[in-house]
C-alpha atoms as a PDB file:
ATOM      1  CA  MET A   1     -41.587   5.033 -68.183  1.00  0.00           C
ATOM      2  CA  LYS A   2     -38.212   5.468 -69.435  1.00  0.00           C
ATOM      3  CA  LYS A   3     -35.331   2.389 -68.672  1.00  0.00           C
ATOM      4  CA  GLU A   4     -31.534   2.166 -70.005  1.00  0.00           C
ATOM      5  CA  ILE A   5     -28.624   0.089 -68.681  1.00  0.00           C
ATOM      6  CA  ILE A   6     -25.419   1.342 -66.406  1.00  0.00           C
ATOM      7  CA  ASN A   7     -22.451   0.208 -67.314  1.00  0.00           C
ATOM      8  CA  THR A   8     -19.222   1.933 -66.258  1.00  0.00           C
ATOM      9  CA  ASP A   9     -15.164  -0.080 -66.081  1.00  0.00           C
ATOM     10  CA  LYS A  10     -15.185   1.484 -63.120  1.00  0.00           C
ATOM     11  CA  ALA A  11     -17.329  -1.768 -61.750  1.00  0.00           C
ATOM     12  CA  PRO A  12     -16.467  -5.254 -62.151  1.00  0.00           C
ATOM     13  CA  GLN A  13     -17.753  -6.858 -65.239  1.00  0.00           C
ATOM     14  CA  ALA A  14     -20.824  -8.334 -65.052  1.00  0.00           C
ATOM     15  CA  ILE A  15     -20.286 -12.463 -64.658  1.00  0.00           C
ATOM     16  CA  GLY A  16     -23.483 -12.962 -65.469  1.00  0.00           C
ATOM     17  CA  THR A  17     -26.871 -12.307 -66.806  1.00  0.00           C
ATOM     18  CA  TYR A  18     -27.268  -9.297 -65.831  1.00  0.00           C
ATOM     19  CA  SER A  19     -26.275  -6.231 -66.393  1.00  0.00           C
ATOM     20  CA  GLN A  20     -23.991  -3.595 -63.114  1.00  0.00           C
ATOM     21  CA  ALA A  21     -27.655  -1.968 -62.569  1.00  0.00           C
ATOM     22  CA  VAL A  22     -30.941  -0.448 -64.751  1.00  0.00           C
ATOM     23  CA  LYS A  23     -32.401   3.161 -64.253  1.00  0.00           C
ATOM     24  CA  VAL A  24     -36.111   3.025 -64.457  1.00  0.00           C
ATOM     25  CA  ASP A  25     -37.678   6.889 -65.214  1.00  0.00           C
ATOM     26  CA  ASN A  26     -34.851   8.329 -61.465  1.00  0.00           C
ATOM     27  CA  THR A  27     -35.197   5.128 -59.885  1.00  0.00           C
ATOM     28  CA  VAL A  28     -31.466   2.568 -60.560  1.00  0.00           C
ATOM     29  CA  TYR A  29     -31.303  -0.610 -59.163  1.00  0.00           C
ATOM     30  CA  ILE A  30     -27.802  -2.099 -58.925  1.00  0.00           C
ATOM     31  CA  SER A  31     -27.288  -5.551 -59.133  1.00  0.00           C
ATOM     32  CA  GLY A  32     -24.765  -6.779 -56.072  1.00  0.00           C
ATOM     33  CA  GLN A  33     -21.528  -5.997 -55.341  1.00  0.00           C
ATOM     34  CA  ILE A  34     -18.940  -9.091 -54.311  1.00  0.00           C
ATOM     35  CA  PRO A  35     -15.115  -7.386 -53.596  1.00  0.00           C
ATOM     36  CA  LEU A  36     -13.656  -7.630 -56.977  1.00  0.00           C
ATOM     37  CA  VAL A  37     -10.546  -5.555 -58.275  1.00  0.00           C
ATOM     38  CA  PRO A  38     -12.294  -4.408 -61.423  1.00  0.00           C
ATOM     39  CA  ALA A  39      -9.134  -4.694 -62.780  1.00  0.00           C
ATOM     40  CA  THR A  40      -8.599  -7.869 -63.008  1.00  0.00           C
ATOM     41  CA  MET A  41     -12.283  -9.529 -62.319  1.00  0.00           C
ATOM     42  CA  GLU A  42     -10.457 -10.939 -59.223  1.00  0.00           C
ATOM     43  CA  LEU A  43     -11.020 -11.166 -55.334  1.00  0.00           C
ATOM     44  CA  LEU A  44      -9.782  -8.976 -53.723  1.00  0.00           C
ATOM     45  CA  GLU A  45      -7.170 -10.481 -51.384  1.00  0.00           C
ATOM     46  CA  GLY A  46      -7.210  -9.399 -47.924  1.00  0.00           C
ATOM     47  CA  SER A  47      -9.184  -9.314 -44.208  1.00  0.00           C
ATOM     48  CA  VAL A  48     -12.585  -8.233 -44.233  1.00  0.00           C
ATOM     49  CA  GLU A  49     -12.958  -4.467 -43.934  1.00  0.00           C
ATOM     50  CA  GLU A  50     -10.289  -4.047 -46.810  1.00  0.00           C
ATOM     51  CA  GLN A  51     -13.734  -6.732 -48.733  1.00  0.00           C
ATOM     52  CA  ILE A  52     -16.351  -4.185 -47.147  1.00  0.00           C
ATOM     53  CA  HIS A  53     -14.373  -1.296 -48.793  1.00  0.00           C
ATOM     54  CA  GLN A  54     -13.727  -2.727 -51.805  1.00  0.00           C
ATOM     55  CA  VAL A  55     -17.133  -3.109 -52.525  1.00  0.00           C
ATOM     56  CA  PHE A  56     -18.392   0.652 -51.667  1.00  0.00           C
ATOM     57  CA  LYS A  57     -15.760   1.681 -53.506  1.00  0.00           C
ATOM     58  CA  ASN A  58     -17.878  -0.942 -56.513  1.00  0.00           C
ATOM     59  CA  LEU A  59     -21.036   0.403 -55.517  1.00  0.00           C
ATOM     60  CA  LEU A  60     -19.881   4.391 -55.742  1.00  0.00           C
ATOM     61  CA  ALA A  61     -19.052   3.749 -59.348  1.00  0.00           C
ATOM     62  CA  ILE A  62     -22.072   2.745 -60.721  1.00  0.00           C
ATOM     63  CA  VAL A  63     -23.443   4.936 -58.802  1.00  0.00           C
ATOM     64  CA  GLN A  64     -21.659   7.234 -59.962  1.00  0.00           C
ATOM     65  CA  ALA A  65     -22.138   6.283 -63.482  1.00  0.00           C
ATOM     66  CA  SER A  66     -25.817   6.659 -63.305  1.00  0.00           C
ATOM     67  CA  GLY A  67     -25.034  10.663 -61.706  1.00  0.00           C
ATOM     68  CA  GLY A  68     -26.231   9.948 -58.447  1.00  0.00           C
ATOM     69  CA  GLU A  69     -24.260  10.291 -54.299  1.00  0.00           C
ATOM     70  CA  PHE A  70     -23.880   7.267 -52.289  1.00  0.00           C
ATOM     71  CA  SER A  71     -27.108  10.109 -50.340  1.00  0.00           C
ATOM     72  CA  ASP A  72     -29.335   9.405 -53.056  1.00  0.00           C
ATOM     73  CA  ILE A  73     -29.352   5.414 -51.706  1.00  0.00           C
ATOM     74  CA  VAL A  74     -32.508   4.005 -49.992  1.00  0.00           C
ATOM     75  CA  LYS A  75     -32.037   0.864 -49.874  1.00  0.00           C
ATOM     76  CA  LEU A  76     -28.861  -1.263 -49.000  1.00  0.00           C
ATOM     77  CA  ASN A  77     -29.122  -4.993 -48.888  1.00  0.00           C
ATOM     78  CA  VAL A  78     -25.400  -7.179 -47.421  1.00  0.00           C
ATOM     79  CA  PHE A  79     -25.100  -9.902 -47.491  1.00  0.00           C
ATOM     80  CA  LEU A  80     -22.738 -11.745 -45.086  1.00  0.00           C
ATOM     81  CA  THR A  81     -21.561 -14.757 -44.909  1.00  0.00           C
ATOM     82  CA  ASP A  82     -20.893 -14.718 -41.083  1.00  0.00           C
ATOM     83  CA  LEU A  83     -23.020 -12.147 -39.366  1.00  0.00           C
ATOM     84  CA  ASN A  84     -20.307 -11.988 -36.440  1.00  0.00           C
ATOM     85  CA  ASN A  85     -18.812  -9.451 -39.185  1.00  0.00           C
ATOM     86  CA  PHE A  86     -21.938  -7.079 -39.424  1.00  0.00           C
ATOM     87  CA  PRO A  87     -20.005  -4.905 -36.728  1.00  0.00           C
ATOM     88  CA  THR A  88     -16.960  -4.572 -39.200  1.00  0.00           C
ATOM     89  CA  VAL A  89     -19.957  -3.095 -41.596  1.00  0.00           C
ATOM     90  CA  ASN A  90     -21.276  -0.561 -39.547  1.00  0.00           C
ATOM     91  CA  GLN A  91     -18.488   0.177 -38.442  1.00  0.00           C
ATOM     92  CA  VAL A  92     -16.506   0.630 -42.633  1.00  0.00           C
ATOM     93  CA  MET A  93     -20.390   2.013 -43.576  1.00  0.00           C
ATOM     94  CA  ALA A  94     -20.000   4.640 -41.808  1.00  0.00           C
ATOM     95  CA  GLU A  95     -17.247   6.004 -42.896  1.00  0.00           C
ATOM     96  CA  TYR A  96     -19.260   6.259 -46.033  1.00  0.00           C
ATOM     97  CA  PHE A  97     -22.972   7.532 -45.638  1.00  0.00           C
ATOM     98  CA  THR A  98     -24.367   9.876 -43.291  1.00  0.00           C
ATOM     99  CA  GLU A  99     -27.505  10.827 -41.933  1.00  0.00           C
ATOM    100  CA  PRO A 100     -30.666   9.774 -42.197  1.00  0.00           C
ATOM    101  CA  TYR A 101     -29.062   6.767 -43.233  1.00  0.00           C
ATOM    102  CA  PRO A 102     -30.712   4.499 -46.055  1.00  0.00           C
ATOM    103  CA  ALA A 103     -33.205   1.347 -45.251  1.00  0.00           C
ATOM    104  CA  ARG A 104     -30.549  -2.044 -44.884  1.00  0.00           C
ATOM    105  CA  ALA A 105     -31.597  -6.003 -44.348  1.00  0.00           C
ATOM    106  CA  ALA A 106     -28.244  -7.676 -43.441  1.00  0.00           C
ATOM    107  CA  ILE A 107     -28.501 -11.019 -44.198  1.00  0.00           C
ATOM    108  CA  GLY A 108     -26.958 -14.653 -42.872  1.00  0.00           C
ATOM    109  CA  VAL A 109     -26.010 -16.496 -46.497  1.00  0.00           C
ATOM    110  CA  ALA A 110     -25.147 -20.021 -46.587  1.00  0.00           C
ATOM    111  CA  ALA A 111     -22.529 -19.252 -49.813  1.00  0.00           C
ATOM    112  CA  LEU A 112     -21.599 -16.142 -51.929  1.00  0.00           C
ATOM    113  CA  PRO A 113     -20.260 -16.219 -55.466  1.00  0.00           C
ATOM    114  CA  LYS A 114     -16.179 -16.192 -55.430  1.00  0.00           C
ATOM    115  CA  ALA A 115     -16.326 -17.374 -51.987  1.00  0.00           C
ATOM    116  CA  SER A 116     -17.164 -14.120 -51.406  1.00  0.00           C
ATOM    117  CA  ALA A 117     -17.028 -13.208 -47.478  1.00  0.00           C
ATOM    118  CA  VAL A 118     -19.613  -9.647 -48.727  1.00  0.00           C
ATOM    119  CA  GLU A 119     -22.216  -8.856 -51.031  1.00  0.00           C
ATOM    120  CA  MET A 120     -24.132  -5.447 -51.139  1.00  0.00           C
ATOM    121  CA  ASP A 121     -26.569  -4.259 -54.001  1.00  0.00           C
ATOM    122  CA  ALA A 122     -29.021  -1.083 -53.443  1.00  0.00           C
ATOM    123  CA  VAL A 123     -31.197   1.098 -54.802  1.00  0.00           C
ATOM    124  CA  LEU A 124     -31.022   4.919 -55.065  1.00  0.00           C
ATOM    125  CA  VAL A 125     -33.417   7.330 -56.755  1.00  0.00           C
ATOM    126  CA  LEU A 126     -31.976  10.609 -58.317  1.00  0.00           C
ATOM    127  CA  SER A 127     -32.598  13.796 -56.548  1.00  0.00           C
ATOM    128  CA  LYS A 128     -31.779  15.548 -59.379  1.00  0.00           C
END
């Protein structure tokens, strides 16, 4: 088993005792991403749609740093403080993914770090 820590300055730095991602052989486990702006480490001000876009941008930066692309994501977990925002997740997700889509879970939660409305984590299997 080969284990590697993935880190990029194009995504928010870890704000706790975790890594942005861990690669084990050809599988990458990406930690939860909230809509932090990497340059400022501040939560993106804006609509839920804009925050969801920021989360996908953060995920993409880590995916690319691991040598992958969004089509390599096999599992996506979405955490929302308001499940009424789920249609917006679907709308925005369609801008980043094409079929076949990854497996996905959507979970309603009471709160997220920094009072974020959305958080996502992912697992990808590198095809290269």
